Amino acid sequence: RGGATGDLLVQVNVRKHPRFTKQGPDVHSCESISYLDAILGTTLQVATVHGTSPLKVPPGTQPGTRMRIYGEGVPKGDKKGAGKGDHVVEIKVELPVKLSKEDKELLTKLKNSTGAK
């Protein structure tokens, strides 16, 4: 159009997301599960930047465990076929604040039968 040729410089500002954080090509988030799901295992439907993905949480998962959903992050660079980063999920375990008398009795029985300290 009559102008000089040259480079086009583009600046992109990204707002913070209330649920996700980004570290390189990986996206991070937290999911809360009950203590029973942590003990017995469960499958979560995790919100990702691409929709939802299932995440199998194995029995005995500890609070603070980080699990990966491969390929659910953001693109790795500008090369075609470079792939995507991962979605890293930190597991938070919710403990009950109040227990009913029956719940307390059941948990006490379980504690005594397993030899837990």
PDB file of N, CA and C in Angstrom:
ATOM      1  N   ARG A   1       0.821  -1.188   0.000  1.00  0.00           N
ATOM      2  CA  ARG A   1       0.000   0.000   0.000  1.00  0.00           C
ATOM      3  C   ARG A   1       0.863   1.248   0.000  1.00  0.00           C
ATOM      4  N   GLY A   2       2.059   1.108  -0.446  1.00  0.00           N
ATOM      5  CA  GLY A   2       2.906   2.260  -0.575  1.00  0.00           C
ATOM      6  C   GLY A   2       3.810   2.523   0.602  1.00  0.00           C
ATOM      7  N   GLY A   3       3.623   1.803   1.715  1.00  0.00           N
ATOM      8  CA  GLY A   3       4.461   2.020   2.878  1.00  0.00           C
ATOM      9  C   GLY A   3       5.703   1.138   2.839  1.00  0.00           C
ATOM     10  N   ALA A   4       6.591   1.388   3.751  1.00  0.00           N
ATOM     11  CA  ALA A   4       7.816   0.596   3.832  1.00  0.00           C
ATOM     12  C   ALA A   4       7.521  -0.772   4.439  1.00  0.00           C
ATOM     13  N   THR A   5       8.266  -1.771   3.983  1.00  0.00           N
ATOM     14  CA  THR A   5       8.113  -3.101   4.580  1.00  0.00           C
ATOM     15  C   THR A   5       8.899  -3.155   5.866  1.00  0.00           C
ATOM     16  N   GLY A   6       8.495  -4.036   6.773  1.00  0.00           N
ATOM     17  CA  GLY A   6       9.204  -4.151   8.044  1.00  0.00           C
ATOM     18  C   GLY A   6       8.483  -5.110   8.970  1.00  0.00           C
ATOM     19  N   ASP A   7       8.873  -5.107  10.206  1.00  0.00           N
ATOM     20  CA  ASP A   7       8.294  -6.000  11.201  1.00  0.00           C
ATOM     21  C   ASP A   7       7.031  -5.394  11.793  1.00  0.00           C
ATOM     22  N   LEU A   8       6.090  -6.274  12.126  1.00  0.00           N
ATOM     23  CA  LEU A   8       4.889  -5.864  12.831  1.00  0.00           C
ATOM     24  C   LEU A   8       5.062  -6.286  14.282  1.00  0.00           C
ATOM     25  N   LEU A   9       5.030  -5.340  15.184  1.00  0.00           N
ATOM     26  CA  LEU A   9       5.173  -5.635  16.602  1.00  0.00           C
ATOM     27  C   LEU A   9       3.793  -5.622  17.248  1.00  0.00           C
ATOM     28  N   VAL A  10       3.481  -6.692  17.965  1.00  0.00           N
ATOM     29  CA  VAL A  10       2.181  -6.829  18.613  1.00  0.00           C
ATOM     30  C   VAL A  10       2.412  -7.078  20.096  1.00  0.00           C
ATOM     31  N   GLN A  11       1.725  -6.341  20.943  1.00  0.00           N
ATOM     32  CA  GLN A  11       1.800  -6.545  22.382  1.00  0.00           C
ATOM     33  C   GLN A  11       0.458  -7.113  22.836  1.00  0.00           C
ATOM     34  N   VAL A  12       0.515  -8.212  23.567  1.00  0.00           N
ATOM     35  CA  VAL A  12      -0.692  -8.859  24.076  1.00  0.00           C
ATOM     36  C   VAL A  12      -0.663  -8.797  25.598  1.00  0.00           C
ATOM     37  N   ASN A  13      -1.714  -8.283  26.188  1.00  0.00           N
ATOM     38  CA  ASN A  13      -1.857  -8.262  27.638  1.00  0.00           C
ATOM     39  C   ASN A  13      -2.875  -9.333  28.028  1.00  0.00           C
ATOM     40  N   VAL A  14      -2.492 -10.166  28.981  1.00  0.00           N
ATOM     41  CA  VAL A  14      -3.372 -11.247  29.421  1.00  0.00           C
ATOM     42  C   VAL A  14      -3.812 -10.955  30.847  1.00  0.00           C
ATOM     43  N   ARG A  15      -5.135 -10.944  31.060  1.00  0.00           N
ATOM     44  CA  ARG A  15      -5.668 -10.723  32.399  1.00  0.00           C
ATOM     45  C   ARG A  15      -5.552 -11.999  33.233  1.00  0.00           C
ATOM     46  N   LYS A  16      -5.454 -11.832  34.540  1.00  0.00           N
ATOM     47  CA  LYS A  16      -5.439 -12.987  35.436  1.00  0.00           C
ATOM     48  C   LYS A  16      -6.786 -13.680  35.378  1.00  0.00           C
ATOM     49  N   HIS A  17      -6.752 -14.995  35.399  1.00  0.00           N
ATOM     50  CA  HIS A  17      -7.969 -15.789  35.415  1.00  0.00           C
ATOM     51  C   HIS A  17      -8.262 -16.178  36.863  1.00  0.00           C
ATOM     52  N   PRO A  18      -9.528 -16.188  37.281  1.00  0.00           N
ATOM     53  CA  PRO A  18      -9.830 -16.513  38.680  1.00  0.00           C
ATOM     54  C   PRO A  18      -9.530 -17.968  39.045  1.00  0.00           C
ATOM     55  N   ARG A  19      -9.459 -18.854  38.059  1.00  0.00           N
ATOM     56  CA  ARG A  19      -9.293 -20.279  38.335  1.00  0.00           C
ATOM     57  C   ARG A  19      -7.931 -20.835  37.889  1.00  0.00           C
ATOM     58  N   PHE A  20      -7.377 -20.307  36.810  1.00  0.00           N
ATOM     59  CA  PHE A  20      -6.165 -20.865  36.220  1.00  0.00           C
ATOM     60  C   PHE A  20      -4.981 -19.921  36.383  1.00  0.00           C
ATOM     61  N   THR A  21      -3.793 -20.509  36.513  1.00  0.00           N
ATOM     62  CA  THR A  21      -2.551 -19.767  36.397  1.00  0.00           C
ATOM     63  C   THR A  21      -1.722 -20.456  35.326  1.00  0.00           C
ATOM     64  N   LYS A  22      -0.762 -19.742  34.772  1.00  0.00           N
ATOM     65  CA  LYS A  22       0.042 -20.279  33.681  1.00  0.00           C
ATOM     66  C   LYS A  22       1.508 -20.240  34.070  1.00  0.00           C
ATOM     67  N   GLN A  23       2.213 -21.327  33.811  1.00  0.00           N
ATOM     68  CA  GLN A  23       3.651 -21.388  34.007  1.00  0.00           C
ATOM     69  C   GLN A  23       4.232 -22.018  32.748  1.00  0.00           C
ATOM     70  N   GLY A  24       4.801 -21.165  31.885  1.00  0.00           N
ATOM     71  CA  GLY A  24       5.267 -21.648  30.581  1.00  0.00           C
ATOM     72  C   GLY A  24       4.066 -22.155  29.800  1.00  0.00           C
ATOM     73  N   PRO A  25       4.171 -23.315  29.172  1.00  0.00           N
ATOM     74  CA  PRO A  25       3.030 -23.842  28.428  1.00  0.00           C
ATOM     75  C   PRO A  25       2.029 -24.609  29.303  1.00  0.00           C
ATOM     76  N   ASP A  26       2.333 -24.753  30.618  1.00  0.00           N
ATOM     77  CA  ASP A  26       1.443 -25.488  31.514  1.00  0.00           C
ATOM     78  C   ASP A  26       0.439 -24.560  32.175  1.00  0.00           C
ATOM     79  N   VAL A  27      -0.767 -25.065  32.370  1.00  0.00           N
ATOM     80  CA  VAL A  27      -1.832 -24.351  33.077  1.00  0.00           C
ATOM     81  C   VAL A  27      -2.030 -25.063  34.411  1.00  0.00           C
ATOM     82  N   HIS A  28      -2.196 -24.296  35.496  1.00  0.00           N
ATOM     83  CA  HIS A  28      -2.349 -24.866  36.838  1.00  0.00           C
ATOM     84  C   HIS A  28      -3.703 -24.478  37.421  1.00  0.00           C
ATOM     85  N   SER A  29      -4.275 -25.406  38.190  1.00  0.00           N
ATOM     86  CA  SER A  29      -5.501 -25.118  38.930  1.00  0.00           C
ATOM     87  C   SER A  29      -5.565 -26.026  40.149  1.00  0.00           C
ATOM     88  N   CYS A  30      -6.542 -25.782  41.030  1.00  0.00           N
ATOM     89  CA  CYS A  30      -6.753 -26.597  42.230  1.00  0.00           C
ATOM     90  C   CYS A  30      -8.145 -27.213  42.168  1.00  0.00           C
ATOM     91  N   GLU A  31      -8.262 -28.425  42.686  1.00  0.00           N
ATOM     92  CA  GLU A  31      -9.548 -29.093  42.816  1.00  0.00           C
ATOM     93  C   GLU A  31      -9.667 -29.602  44.245  1.00  0.00           C
ATOM     94  N   SER A  32     -10.842 -29.427  44.837  1.00  0.00           N
ATOM     95  CA  SER A  32     -11.101 -29.921  46.187  1.00  0.00           C
ATOM     96  C   SER A  32     -11.886 -31.224  46.120  1.00  0.00           C
ATOM     97  N   ILE A  33     -11.486 -32.178  46.968  1.00  0.00           N
ATOM     98  CA  ILE A  33     -12.214 -33.438  47.084  1.00  0.00           C
ATOM     99  C   ILE A  33     -12.450 -33.715  48.562  1.00  0.00           C
ATOM    100  N   SER A  34     -13.401 -34.577  48.857  1.00  0.00           N
ATOM    101  CA  SER A  34     -13.664 -34.945  50.241  1.00  0.00           C
ATOM    102  C   SER A  34     -12.588 -35.909  50.729  1.00  0.00           C
ATOM    103  N   TYR A  35     -12.461 -36.036  52.036  1.00  0.00           N
ATOM    104  CA  TYR A  35     -11.479 -36.970  52.586  1.00  0.00           C
ATOM    105  C   TYR A  35     -11.812 -38.403  52.189  1.00  0.00           C
ATOM    106  N   LEU A  36     -13.104 -38.701  52.025  1.00  0.00           N
ATOM    107  CA  LEU A  36     -13.491 -40.054  51.606  1.00  0.00           C
ATOM    108  C   LEU A  36     -13.062 -40.330  50.165  1.00  0.00           C
ATOM    109  N   ASP A  37     -13.208 -39.330  49.286  1.00  0.00           N
ATOM    110  CA  ASP A  37     -12.732 -39.499  47.908  1.00  0.00           C
ATOM    111  C   ASP A  37     -11.209 -39.627  47.869  1.00  0.00           C
ATOM    112  N   ALA A  38     -10.514 -38.935  48.769  1.00  0.00           N
ATOM    113  CA  ALA A  38      -9.055 -39.055  48.835  1.00  0.00           C
ATOM    114  C   ALA A  38      -8.658 -40.464  49.272  1.00  0.00           C
ATOM    115  N   ILE A  39      -9.401 -41.030  50.189  1.00  0.00           N
ATOM    116  CA  ILE A  39      -9.105 -42.376  50.684  1.00  0.00           C
ATOM    117  C   ILE A  39      -9.483 -43.440  49.652  1.00  0.00           C
ATOM    118  N   LEU A  40     -10.696 -43.322  49.087  1.00  0.00           N
ATOM    119  CA  LEU A  40     -11.226 -44.365  48.209  1.00  0.00           C
ATOM    120  C   LEU A  40     -10.896 -44.174  46.735  1.00  0.00           C
ATOM    121  N   GLY A  41     -10.550 -42.948  46.339  1.00  0.00           N
ATOM    122  CA  GLY A  41     -10.324 -42.638  44.931  1.00  0.00           C
ATOM    123  C   GLY A  41     -11.603 -42.164  44.271  1.00  0.00           C
ATOM    124  N   THR A  42     -11.466 -41.431  43.189  1.00  0.00           N
ATOM    125  CA  THR A  42     -12.615 -40.896  42.468  1.00  0.00           C
ATOM    126  C   THR A  42     -12.157 -40.441  41.084  1.00  0.00           C
ATOM    127  N   THR A  43     -13.115 -40.086  40.257  1.00  0.00           N
ATOM    128  CA  THR A  43     -12.806 -39.468  38.971  1.00  0.00           C
ATOM    129  C   THR A  43     -13.481 -38.102  38.947  1.00  0.00           C
ATOM    130  N   LEU A  44     -12.696 -37.058  38.677  1.00  0.00           N
ATOM    131  CA  LEU A  44     -13.210 -35.692  38.616  1.00  0.00           C
ATOM    132  C   LEU A  44     -13.368 -35.253  37.167  1.00  0.00           C
ATOM    133  N   GLN A  45     -14.284 -34.358  36.922  1.00  0.00           N
ATOM    134  CA  GLN A  45     -14.365 -33.664  35.638  1.00  0.00           C
ATOM    135  C   GLN A  45     -13.728 -32.294  35.887  1.00  0.00           C
ATOM    136  N   VAL A  46     -12.543 -32.097  35.333  1.00  0.00           N
ATOM    137  CA  VAL A  46     -11.759 -30.896  35.596  1.00  0.00           C
ATOM    138  C   VAL A  46     -11.959 -29.886  34.467  1.00  0.00           C
ATOM    139  N   ALA A  47     -12.282 -28.650  34.838  1.00  0.00           N
ATOM    140  CA  ALA A  47     -12.382 -27.574  33.855  1.00  0.00           C
ATOM    141  C   ALA A  47     -10.976 -27.209  33.391  1.00  0.00           C
ATOM    142  N   THR A  48     -10.764 -27.208  32.073  1.00  0.00           N
ATOM    143  CA  THR A  48      -9.483 -26.810  31.492  1.00  0.00           C
ATOM    144  C   THR A  48      -9.749 -25.652  30.538  1.00  0.00           C
ATOM    145  N   VAL A  49      -8.691 -25.101  29.961  1.00  0.00           N
ATOM    146  CA  VAL A  49      -8.874 -24.002  29.013  1.00  0.00           C
ATOM    147  C   VAL A  49      -9.506 -24.502  27.711  1.00  0.00           C
ATOM    148  N   HIS A  50      -9.570 -25.818  27.534  1.00  0.00           N
ATOM    149  CA  HIS A  50     -10.136 -26.403  26.315  1.00  0.00           C
ATOM    150  C   HIS A  50     -11.501 -27.055  26.543  1.00  0.00           C
ATOM    151  N   GLY A  51     -12.046 -26.962  27.746  1.00  0.00           N
ATOM    152  CA  GLY A  51     -13.326 -27.622  28.068  1.00  0.00           C
ATOM    153  C   GLY A  51     -13.169 -28.368  29.377  1.00  0.00           C
ATOM    154  N   THR A  52     -13.679 -29.598  29.443  1.00  0.00           N
ATOM    155  CA  THR A  52     -13.498 -30.413  30.637  1.00  0.00           C
ATOM    156  C   THR A  52     -12.788 -31.705  30.258  1.00  0.00           C
ATOM    157  N   SER A  53     -12.028 -32.230  31.207  1.00  0.00           N
ATOM    158  CA  SER A  53     -11.309 -33.487  31.021  1.00  0.00           C
ATOM    159  C   SER A  53     -11.439 -34.317  32.284  1.00  0.00           C
ATOM    160  N   PRO A  54     -11.561 -35.644  32.133  1.00  0.00           N
ATOM    161  CA  PRO A  54     -11.613 -36.486  33.327  1.00  0.00           C
ATOM    162  C   PRO A  54     -10.225 -36.618  33.948  1.00  0.00           C
ATOM    163  N   LEU A  55     -10.191 -36.692  35.268  1.00  0.00           N
ATOM    164  CA  LEU A  55      -8.950 -36.899  36.000  1.00  0.00           C
ATOM    165  C   LEU A  55      -9.210 -37.982  37.032  1.00  0.00           C
ATOM    166  N   LYS A  56      -8.504 -39.105  36.898  1.00  0.00           N
ATOM    167  CA  LYS A  56      -8.662 -40.211  37.843  1.00  0.00           C
ATOM    168  C   LYS A  56      -7.764 -39.949  39.047  1.00  0.00           C
ATOM    169  N   VAL A  57      -8.381 -39.834  40.213  1.00  0.00           N
ATOM    170  CA  VAL A  57      -7.668 -39.613  41.469  1.00  0.00           C
ATOM    171  C   VAL A  57      -7.578 -40.976  42.154  1.00  0.00           C
ATOM    172  N   PRO A  58      -6.365 -41.526  42.300  1.00  0.00           N
ATOM    173  CA  PRO A  58      -6.253 -42.873  42.862  1.00  0.00           C
ATOM    174  C   PRO A  58      -6.516 -42.909  44.363  1.00  0.00           C
ATOM    175  N   PRO A  59      -6.878 -44.088  44.892  1.00  0.00           N
ATOM    176  CA  PRO A  59      -7.069 -44.226  46.332  1.00  0.00           C
ATOM    177  C   PRO A  59      -5.789 -43.859  47.080  1.00  0.00           C
ATOM    178  N   GLY A  60      -5.955 -43.207  48.227  1.00  0.00           N
ATOM    179  CA  GLY A  60      -4.810 -42.838  49.054  1.00  0.00           C
ATOM    180  C   GLY A  60      -4.128 -41.553  48.630  1.00  0.00           C
ATOM    181  N   THR A  61      -4.790 -40.759  47.798  1.00  0.00           N
ATOM    182  CA  THR A  61      -4.191 -39.496  47.358  1.00  0.00           C
ATOM    183  C   THR A  61      -4.039 -38.556  48.543  1.00  0.00           C
ATOM    184  N   GLN A  62      -2.858 -37.963  48.669  1.00  0.00           N
ATOM    185  CA  GLN A  62      -2.540 -37.078  49.779  1.00  0.00           C
ATOM    186  C   GLN A  62      -2.847 -35.621  49.422  1.00  0.00           C
ATOM    187  N   PRO A  63      -3.166 -34.799  50.417  1.00  0.00           N
ATOM    188  CA  PRO A  63      -3.372 -33.371  50.164  1.00  0.00           C
ATOM    189  C   PRO A  63      -2.128 -32.760  49.527  1.00  0.00           C
ATOM    190  N   GLY A  64      -2.325 -31.889  48.559  1.00  0.00           N
ATOM    191  CA  GLY A  64      -1.207 -31.228  47.902  1.00  0.00           C
ATOM    192  C   GLY A  64      -0.626 -32.006  46.729  1.00  0.00           C
ATOM    193  N   THR A  65      -1.142 -33.205  46.466  1.00  0.00           N
ATOM    194  CA  THR A  65      -0.665 -33.987  45.326  1.00  0.00           C
ATOM    195  C   THR A  65      -0.949 -33.217  44.045  1.00  0.00           C
ATOM    196  N   ARG A  66       0.025 -33.221  43.133  1.00  0.00           N
ATOM    197  CA  ARG A  66      -0.156 -32.579  41.828  1.00  0.00           C
ATOM    198  C   ARG A  66      -0.256 -33.661  40.767  1.00  0.00           C
ATOM    199  N   MET A  67      -1.290 -33.546  39.942  1.00  0.00           N
ATOM    200  CA  MET A  67      -1.529 -34.525  38.885  1.00  0.00           C
ATOM    201  C   MET A  67      -1.603 -33.798  37.552  1.00  0.00           C
ATOM    202  N   ARG A  68      -1.209 -34.470  36.472  1.00  0.00           N
ATOM    203  CA  ARG A  68      -1.164 -33.863  35.141  1.00  0.00           C
ATOM    204  C   ARG A  68      -2.244 -34.428  34.234  1.00  0.00           C
ATOM    205  N   ILE A  69      -2.828 -33.526  33.464  1.00  0.00           N
ATOM    206  CA  ILE A  69      -3.664 -33.923  32.334  1.00  0.00           C
ATOM    207  C   ILE A  69      -2.851 -33.516  31.113  1.00  0.00           C
ATOM    208  N   TYR A  70      -2.281 -34.494  30.446  1.00  0.00           N
ATOM    209  CA  TYR A  70      -1.339 -34.228  29.355  1.00  0.00           C
ATOM    210  C   TYR A  70      -2.015 -33.579  28.150  1.00  0.00           C
ATOM    211  N   GLY A  71      -1.344 -32.562  27.602  1.00  0.00           N
ATOM    212  CA  GLY A  71      -1.799 -31.907  26.384  1.00  0.00           C
ATOM    213  C   GLY A  71      -2.955 -30.938  26.541  1.00  0.00           C
ATOM    214  N   GLU A  72      -3.313 -30.586  27.778  1.00  0.00           N
ATOM    215  CA  GLU A  72      -4.436 -29.664  28.008  1.00  0.00           C
ATOM    216  C   GLU A  72      -3.972 -28.261  28.384  1.00  0.00           C
ATOM    217  N   GLY A  73      -2.696 -27.958  28.154  1.00  0.00           N
ATOM    218  CA  GLY A  73      -2.170 -26.622  28.423  1.00  0.00           C
ATOM    219  C   GLY A  73      -2.253 -25.755  27.180  1.00  0.00           C
ATOM    220  N   VAL A  74      -1.335 -24.817  27.052  1.00  0.00           N
ATOM    221  CA  VAL A  74      -1.309 -23.900  25.910  1.00  0.00           C
ATOM    222  C   VAL A  74      -0.226 -24.333  24.929  1.00  0.00           C
ATOM    223  N   PRO A  75      -0.296 -23.876  23.670  1.00  0.00           N
ATOM    224  CA  PRO A  75       0.699 -24.290  22.668  1.00  0.00           C
ATOM    225  C   PRO A  75       2.124 -23.974  23.106  1.00  0.00           C
ATOM    226  N   LYS A  76       3.050 -24.866  22.740  1.00  0.00           N
ATOM    227  CA  LYS A  76       4.474 -24.701  23.065  1.00  0.00           C
ATOM    228  C   LYS A  76       5.172 -23.981  21.924  1.00  0.00           C
ATOM    229  N   GLY A  77       5.202 -22.677  21.963  1.00  0.00           N
ATOM    230  CA  GLY A  77       5.937 -21.906  20.963  1.00  0.00           C
ATOM    231  C   GLY A  77       5.191 -21.762  19.654  1.00  0.00           C
ATOM    232  N   ASP A  78       5.901 -21.278  18.656  1.00  0.00           N
ATOM    233  CA  ASP A  78       5.269 -20.950  17.383  1.00  0.00           C
ATOM    234  C   ASP A  78       5.521 -21.987  16.291  1.00  0.00           C
ATOM    235  N   LYS A  79       6.243 -23.055  16.591  1.00  0.00           N
ATOM    236  CA  LYS A  79       6.510 -24.074  15.580  1.00  0.00           C
ATOM    237  C   LYS A  79       5.290 -24.972  15.419  1.00  0.00           C
ATOM    238  N   LYS A  80       4.927 -25.227  14.183  1.00  0.00           N
ATOM    239  CA  LYS A  80       3.793 -26.105  13.918  1.00  0.00           C
ATOM    240  C   LYS A  80       4.130 -27.514  14.405  1.00  0.00           C
ATOM    241  N   GLY A  81       3.192 -28.126  15.106  1.00  0.00           N
ATOM    242  CA  GLY A  81       3.399 -29.472  15.626  1.00  0.00           C
ATOM    243  C   GLY A  81       4.212 -29.533  16.905  1.00  0.00           C
ATOM    244  N   ALA A  82       4.468 -28.370  17.530  1.00  0.00           N
ATOM    245  CA  ALA A  82       5.261 -28.353  18.765  1.00  0.00           C
ATOM    246  C   ALA A  82       4.480 -28.918  19.945  1.00  0.00           C
ATOM    247  N   GLY A  83       3.169 -29.060  19.815  1.00  0.00           N
ATOM    248  CA  GLY A  83       2.353 -29.617  20.891  1.00  0.00           C
ATOM    249  C   GLY A  83       1.898 -28.584  21.893  1.00  0.00           C
ATOM    250  N   LYS A  84       1.263 -29.082  22.941  1.00  0.00           N
ATOM    251  CA  LYS A  84       0.741 -28.220  24.000  1.00  0.00           C
ATOM    252  C   LYS A  84       1.341 -28.629  25.329  1.00  0.00           C
ATOM    253  N   GLY A  85       1.294 -27.703  26.265  1.00  0.00           N
ATOM    254  CA  GLY A  85       1.700 -28.002  27.633  1.00  0.00           C
ATOM    255  C   GLY A  85       0.637 -28.860  28.301  1.00  0.00           C
ATOM    256  N   ASP A  86       0.776 -29.043  29.597  1.00  0.00           N
ATOM    257  CA  ASP A  86      -0.143 -29.876  30.366  1.00  0.00           C
ATOM    258  C   ASP A  86      -0.994 -29.019  31.297  1.00  0.00           C
ATOM    259  N   HIS A  87      -2.049 -29.610  31.806  1.00  0.00           N
ATOM    260  CA  HIS A  87      -2.859 -28.973  32.844  1.00  0.00           C
ATOM    261  C   HIS A  87      -2.481 -29.675  34.148  1.00  0.00           C
ATOM    262  N   VAL A  88      -1.924 -28.925  35.093  1.00  0.00           N
ATOM    263  CA  VAL A  88      -1.483 -29.475  36.371  1.00  0.00           C
ATOM    264  C   VAL A  88      -2.534 -29.138  37.427  1.00  0.00           C
ATOM    265  N   VAL A  89      -3.017 -30.180  38.108  1.00  0.00           N
ATOM    266  CA  VAL A  89      -4.076 -30.009  39.102  1.00  0.00           C
ATOM    267  C   VAL A  89      -3.517 -30.335  40.483  1.00  0.00           C
ATOM    268  N   GLU A  90      -3.633 -29.376  41.405  1.00  0.00           N
ATOM    269  CA  GLU A  90      -3.259 -29.630  42.796  1.00  0.00           C
ATOM    270  C   GLU A  90      -4.513 -30.063  43.545  1.00  0.00           C
ATOM    271  N   ILE A  91      -4.407 -31.180  44.250  1.00  0.00           N
ATOM    272  CA  ILE A  91      -5.549 -31.739  44.972  1.00  0.00           C
ATOM    273  C   ILE A  91      -5.584 -31.180  46.390  1.00  0.00           C
ATOM    274  N   LYS A  92      -6.710 -30.594  46.744  1.00  0.00           N
ATOM    275  CA  LYS A  92      -6.972 -30.124  48.102  1.00  0.00           C
ATOM    276  C   LYS A  92      -7.972 -31.099  48.719  1.00  0.00           C
ATOM    277  N   VAL A  93      -7.736 -31.515  49.946  1.00  0.00           N
ATOM    278  CA  VAL A  93      -8.621 -32.458  50.619  1.00  0.00           C
ATOM    279  C   VAL A  93      -9.400 -31.714  51.695  1.00  0.00           C
ATOM    280  N   GLU A  94     -10.726 -31.764  51.586  1.00  0.00           N
ATOM    281  CA  GLU A  94     -11.592 -31.096  52.561  1.00  0.00           C
ATOM    282  C   GLU A  94     -11.906 -32.044  53.704  1.00  0.00           C
ATOM    283  N   LEU A  95     -11.678 -31.572  54.917  1.00  0.00           N
ATOM    284  CA  LEU A  95     -11.997 -32.353  56.103  1.00  0.00           C
ATOM    285  C   LEU A  95     -13.269 -31.806  56.732  1.00  0.00           C
ATOM    286  N   PRO A  96     -14.083 -32.688  57.294  1.00  0.00           N
ATOM    287  CA  PRO A  96     -15.327 -32.202  57.906  1.00  0.00           C
ATOM    288  C   PRO A  96     -15.032 -31.388  59.165  1.00  0.00           C
ATOM    289  N   VAL A  97     -15.830 -30.365  59.373  1.00  0.00           N
ATOM    290  CA  VAL A  97     -15.681 -29.523  60.562  1.00  0.00           C
ATOM    291  C   VAL A  97     -16.439 -30.127  61.737  1.00  0.00           C
ATOM    292  N   LYS A  98     -17.613 -30.682  61.431  1.00  0.00           N
ATOM    293  CA  LYS A  98     -18.432 -31.304  62.471  1.00  0.00           C
ATOM    294  C   LYS A  98     -18.772 -32.721  62.024  1.00  0.00           C
ATOM    295  N   LEU A  99     -18.805 -33.627  62.987  1.00  0.00           N
ATOM    296  CA  LEU A  99     -19.199 -35.004  62.723  1.00  0.00           C
ATOM    297  C   LEU A  99     -20.408 -35.348  63.576  1.00  0.00           C
ATOM    298  N   SER A 100     -21.309 -36.116  62.997  1.00  0.00           N
ATOM    299  CA  SER A 100     -22.426 -36.618  63.793  1.00  0.00           C
ATOM    300  C   SER A 100     -21.890 -37.708  64.726  1.00  0.00           C
ATOM    301  N   LYS A 101     -22.677 -38.074  65.702  1.00  0.00           N
ATOM    302  CA  LYS A 101     -22.276 -39.119  66.641  1.00  0.00           C
ATOM    303  C   LYS A 101     -22.024 -40.425  65.879  1.00  0.00           C
ATOM    304  N   GLU A 102     -22.892 -40.742  64.921  1.00  0.00           N
ATOM    305  CA  GLU A 102     -22.762 -41.975  64.144  1.00  0.00           C
ATOM    306  C   GLU A 102     -21.488 -41.953  63.289  1.00  0.00           C
ATOM    307  N   ASP A 103     -21.206 -40.794  62.667  1.00  0.00           N
ATOM    308  CA  ASP A 103     -19.985 -40.676  61.857  1.00  0.00           C
ATOM    309  C   ASP A 103     -18.747 -40.875  62.731  1.00  0.00           C
ATOM    310  N   LYS A 104     -18.752 -40.259  63.902  1.00  0.00           N
ATOM    311  CA  LYS A 104     -17.610 -40.374  64.804  1.00  0.00           C
ATOM    312  C   LYS A 104     -17.401 -41.829  65.226  1.00  0.00           C
ATOM    313  N   GLU A 105     -18.509 -42.530  65.519  1.00  0.00           N
ATOM    314  CA  GLU A 105     -18.416 -43.938  65.913  1.00  0.00           C
ATOM    315  C   GLU A 105     -17.852 -44.783  64.768  1.00  0.00           C
ATOM    316  N   LEU A 106     -18.331 -44.547  63.544  1.00  0.00           N
ATOM    317  CA  LEU A 106     -17.830 -45.301  62.390  1.00  0.00           C
ATOM    318  C   LEU A 106     -16.345 -45.052  62.151  1.00  0.00           C
ATOM    319  N   LEU A 107     -15.936 -43.796  62.234  1.00  0.00           N
ATOM    320  CA  LEU A 107     -14.526 -43.469  62.026  1.00  0.00           C
ATOM    321  C   LEU A 107     -13.648 -44.039  63.143  1.00  0.00           C
ATOM    322  N   THR A 108     -14.137 -44.061  64.358  1.00  0.00           N
ATOM    323  CA  THR A 108     -13.397 -44.655  65.469  1.00  0.00           C
ATOM    324  C   THR A 108     -13.231 -46.145  65.247  1.00  0.00           C
ATOM    325  N   LYS A 109     -14.307 -46.830  64.815  1.00  0.00           N
ATOM    326  CA  LYS A 109     -14.218 -48.252  64.494  1.00  0.00           C
ATOM    327  C   LYS A 109     -13.197 -48.511  63.389  1.00  0.00           C
ATOM    328  N   LEU A 110     -13.228 -47.674  62.364  1.00  0.00           N
ATOM    329  CA  LEU A 110     -12.290 -47.820  61.262  1.00  0.00           C
ATOM    330  C   LEU A 110     -10.861 -47.610  61.748  1.00  0.00           C
ATOM    331  N   LYS A 111     -10.656 -46.602  62.547  1.00  0.00           N
ATOM    332  CA  LYS A 111      -9.319 -46.316  63.084  1.00  0.00           C
ATOM    333  C   LYS A 111      -8.812 -47.499  63.892  1.00  0.00           C
ATOM    334  N   ASN A 112      -9.667 -48.068  64.747  1.00  0.00           N
ATOM    335  CA  ASN A 112      -9.262 -49.196  65.599  1.00  0.00           C
ATOM    336  C   ASN A 112      -9.006 -50.450  64.777  1.00  0.00           C
ATOM    337  N   SER A 113      -9.766 -50.659  63.700  1.00  0.00           N
ATOM    338  CA  SER A 113      -9.598 -51.880  62.903  1.00  0.00           C
ATOM    339  C   SER A 113      -8.362 -51.823  62.005  1.00  0.00           C
ATOM    340  N   THR A 114      -7.897 -50.617  61.659  1.00  0.00           N
ATOM    341  CA  THR A 114      -6.730 -50.505  60.787  1.00  0.00           C
ATOM    342  C   THR A 114      -5.445 -50.313  61.567  1.00  0.00           C
ATOM    343  N   GLY A 115      -5.552 -50.041  62.866  1.00  0.00           N
ATOM    344  CA  GLY A 115      -4.366 -49.811  63.681  1.00  0.00           C
ATOM    345  C   GLY A 115      -3.768 -48.423  63.439  1.00  0.00           C
ATOM    346  N   ALA A 116      -4.573 -47.522  62.885  1.00  0.00           N
ATOM    347  CA  ALA A 116      -4.081 -46.151  62.606  1.00  0.00           C
ATOM    348  C   ALA A 116      -3.776 -45.442  63.909  1.00  0.00           C
ATOM    349  N   LYS A 117      -2.801 -44.559  63.850  1.00  0.00           N
ATOM    350  CA  LYS A 117      -2.404 -43.791  65.050  1.00  0.00           C
ATOM    351  C   LYS A 117      -3.208 -42.530  65.167  1.00  0.00           C
TER     352      LYS A 117
END
